[in-house]
Each structure stands twice: as structure tokens, then as C-alpha cells.
């Protein structure tokens, strides 16, 4: 999958495959954006398999809102400017 920049209707800025290179790039981006932008990283990928494993087969809906990064195949980056305080 290639990197996709999305139109304004989506809340996240970019969706990337979650690889070691991506992890390193996110770390650098966070370091350089400190004080200027707020960067949030959210995991994407198959949820049901990991939910069933972590809940001992109880529910497949445990990770409906957010998938832990350790299970993610892709990540969504939310990049917003830091609000200035008075």
C-alpha cells in the first residue's frame, strides 16, 4: 500500500504502513514538531483476531475504537497545530 494524503473530510492527515522505517520517521517527526504541532498516532488493521486472543475468546469487539500499535499493520497520523494559550 502506498502513502495516501486525504482530503479535508477525513480527520486524520495521513495513513502509512507500520514498519520500522515508519516508526523511526514518526519519532523524528514528533521530536521536530514539539511545541508547534500535536501529533497523534493511532493503529489500524485487523482487530477481531487480536481482540479474541487478548480477551481469551470472550469478545471480538474489544479493539473497535483503537487498535494497539503492537498489533497495527497501518497507522493513522493526526497532525494539528498547537493551540496558543493567552
C-alpha atoms as a PDB file:
ATOM      1  CA  UNK A   1       0.000   0.000   0.000  1.00  0.00           C
ATOM      2  CA  UNK A   2       1.287   3.446  -0.837  1.00  0.00           C
ATOM      3  CA  UNK A   3       1.051   6.532   1.346  1.00  0.00           C
ATOM      4  CA  UNK A   4      -2.171   8.445   0.804  1.00  0.00           C
ATOM      5  CA  UNK A   5      -2.842  12.107   1.613  1.00  0.00           C
ATOM      6  CA  UNK A   6      -6.534  12.586   2.254  1.00  0.00           C
ATOM      7  CA  UNK A   7      -8.984  15.409   1.512  1.00  0.00           C
ATOM      8  CA  UNK A   8     -10.293  17.608   4.356  1.00  0.00           C
ATOM      9  CA  UNK A   9     -13.350  15.412   5.094  1.00  0.00           C
ATOM     10  CA  UNK A  10     -11.164  12.892   6.922  1.00  0.00           C
ATOM     11  CA  UNK A  11      -9.893  13.751  10.382  1.00  0.00           C
ATOM     12  CA  UNK A  12      -6.529  12.078  10.014  1.00  0.00           C
ATOM     13  CA  UNK A  13      -3.792  13.587   7.904  1.00  0.00           C
ATOM     14  CA  UNK A  14      -2.052  10.509   6.509  1.00  0.00           C
ATOM     15  CA  UNK A  15      -2.244   6.710   6.689  1.00  0.00           C
ATOM     16  CA  UNK A  16       1.031   4.761   6.465  1.00  0.00           C
ATOM     17  CA  UNK A  17       2.094   1.110   6.571  1.00  0.00           C
ATOM     18  CA  UNK A  18       3.513   0.473  10.051  1.00  0.00           C
ATOM     19  CA  UNK A  19       7.111  -0.618   9.511  1.00  0.00           C
ATOM     20  CA  UNK A  20      10.393   0.035  11.293  1.00  0.00           C
ATOM     21  CA  UNK A  21      11.066   2.927   8.907  1.00  0.00           C
ATOM     22  CA  UNK A  22       7.678   4.427   9.750  1.00  0.00           C
ATOM     23  CA  UNK A  23       8.358   4.094  13.489  1.00  0.00           C
ATOM     24  CA  UNK A  24      11.649   5.944  13.082  1.00  0.00           C
ATOM     25  CA  UNK A  25      10.056   8.658  10.931  1.00  0.00           C
ATOM     26  CA  UNK A  26       7.263   9.188  13.490  1.00  0.00           C
ATOM     27  CA  UNK A  27       9.828   9.541  16.288  1.00  0.00           C
ATOM     28  CA  UNK A  28      11.744  12.173  14.308  1.00  0.00           C
ATOM     29  CA  UNK A  29       8.540  13.965  13.330  1.00  0.00           C
ATOM     30  CA  UNK A  30       7.401  14.162  16.950  1.00  0.00           C
ATOM     31  CA  UNK A  31      10.803  15.452  18.050  1.00  0.00           C
ATOM     32  CA  UNK A  32      10.874  18.182  15.387  1.00  0.00           C
ATOM     33  CA  UNK A  33       7.230  19.214  15.834  1.00  0.00           C
ATOM     34  CA  UNK A  34       7.424  19.678  19.609  1.00  0.00           C
ATOM     35  CA  UNK A  35       5.678  22.916  20.553  1.00  0.00           C
ATOM     36  CA  UNK A  36       4.430  23.558  17.003  1.00  0.00           C
ATOM     37  CA  UNK A  37       2.186  20.597  16.180  1.00  0.00           C
ATOM     38  CA  UNK A  38       0.358  17.933  18.142  1.00  0.00           C
ATOM     39  CA  UNK A  39       0.922  14.541  16.533  1.00  0.00           C
ATOM     40  CA  UNK A  40      -1.255  11.597  17.493  1.00  0.00           C
ATOM     41  CA  UNK A  41      -0.664   8.075  16.168  1.00  0.00           C
ATOM     42  CA  UNK A  42      -3.483   5.530  16.002  1.00  0.00           C
ATOM     43  CA  UNK A  43      -3.231   1.905  14.883  1.00  0.00           C
ATOM     44  CA  UNK A  44      -5.211   0.320  12.038  1.00  0.00           C
ATOM     45  CA  UNK A  45      -5.521  -3.232  10.826  1.00  0.00           C
ATOM     46  CA  UNK A  46      -7.383  -6.464  11.563  1.00  0.00           C
ATOM     47  CA  UNK A  47      -8.955  -6.168  15.011  1.00  0.00           C
ATOM     48  CA  UNK A  48     -11.029  -9.272  15.658  1.00  0.00           C
ATOM     49  CA  UNK A  49      -8.141 -11.763  15.743  1.00  0.00           C
ATOM     50  CA  UNK A  50      -6.201  -9.795  18.369  1.00  0.00           C
ATOM     51  CA  UNK A  51      -9.300  -8.988  20.370  1.00  0.00           C
ATOM     52  CA  UNK A  52     -10.228 -12.660  20.636  1.00  0.00           C
ATOM     53  CA  UNK A  53      -6.694 -13.568  21.707  1.00  0.00           C
ATOM     54  CA  UNK A  54      -6.459 -10.804  24.333  1.00  0.00           C
ATOM     55  CA  UNK A  55      -9.947 -11.462  25.745  1.00  0.00           C
ATOM     56  CA  UNK A  56      -9.457 -15.264  25.833  1.00  0.00           C
ATOM     57  CA  UNK A  57     -12.198 -15.739  23.226  1.00  0.00           C
ATOM     58  CA  UNK A  58     -14.758 -13.620  25.099  1.00  0.00           C
ATOM     59  CA  UNK A  59     -15.283 -10.836  22.551  1.00  0.00           C
ATOM     60  CA  UNK A  60     -14.152  -9.811  19.091  1.00  0.00           C
ATOM     61  CA  UNK A  61     -15.173  -6.186  19.696  1.00  0.00           C
ATOM     62  CA  UNK A  62     -12.544  -5.162  22.257  1.00  0.00           C
ATOM     63  CA  UNK A  63     -10.499  -3.032  19.834  1.00  0.00           C
ATOM     64  CA  UNK A  64     -13.348  -1.407  17.876  1.00  0.00           C
ATOM     65  CA  UNK A  65     -12.253   2.153  18.661  1.00  0.00           C
ATOM     66  CA  UNK A  66      -8.497   1.782  18.759  1.00  0.00           C
ATOM     67  CA  UNK A  67      -6.020  -0.955  17.897  1.00  0.00           C
ATOM     68  CA  UNK A  68      -2.811  -1.106  19.987  1.00  0.00           C
ATOM     69  CA  UNK A  69       0.251  -0.213  17.933  1.00  0.00           C
ATOM     70  CA  UNK A  70       1.855  -3.580  18.692  1.00  0.00           C
ATOM     71  CA  UNK A  71      -0.880  -5.207  16.527  1.00  0.00           C
ATOM     72  CA  UNK A  72      -1.172  -2.470  13.872  1.00  0.00           C
ATOM     73  CA  UNK A  73      -0.419  -3.078  10.204  1.00  0.00           C
ATOM     74  CA  UNK A  74      -1.014   0.608   9.365  1.00  0.00           C
ATOM     75  CA  UNK A  75      -1.053   3.816  11.360  1.00  0.00           C
ATOM     76  CA  UNK A  76      -3.103   6.965  11.009  1.00  0.00           C
ATOM     77  CA  UNK A  77      -1.360  10.236  11.861  1.00  0.00           C
ATOM     78  CA  UNK A  78      -3.383  13.133  13.188  1.00  0.00           C
ATOM     79  CA  UNK A  79      -1.354  16.347  12.880  1.00  0.00           C
ATOM     80  CA  UNK A  80      -2.828  19.530  14.344  1.00  0.00           C
ATOM     81  CA  UNK A  81      -1.252  22.879  15.213  1.00  0.00           C
ATOM     82  CA  UNK A  82      -0.753  23.516  18.921  1.00  0.00           C
ATOM     83  CA  UNK A  83      -3.279  25.963  20.305  1.00  0.00           C
ATOM     84  CA  UNK A  84      -1.656  29.056  21.696  1.00  0.00           C
ATOM     85  CA  UNK A  85      -2.643  29.983  25.239  1.00  0.00           C
ATOM     86  CA  UNK A  86      -3.021  33.531  26.466  1.00  0.00           C
END
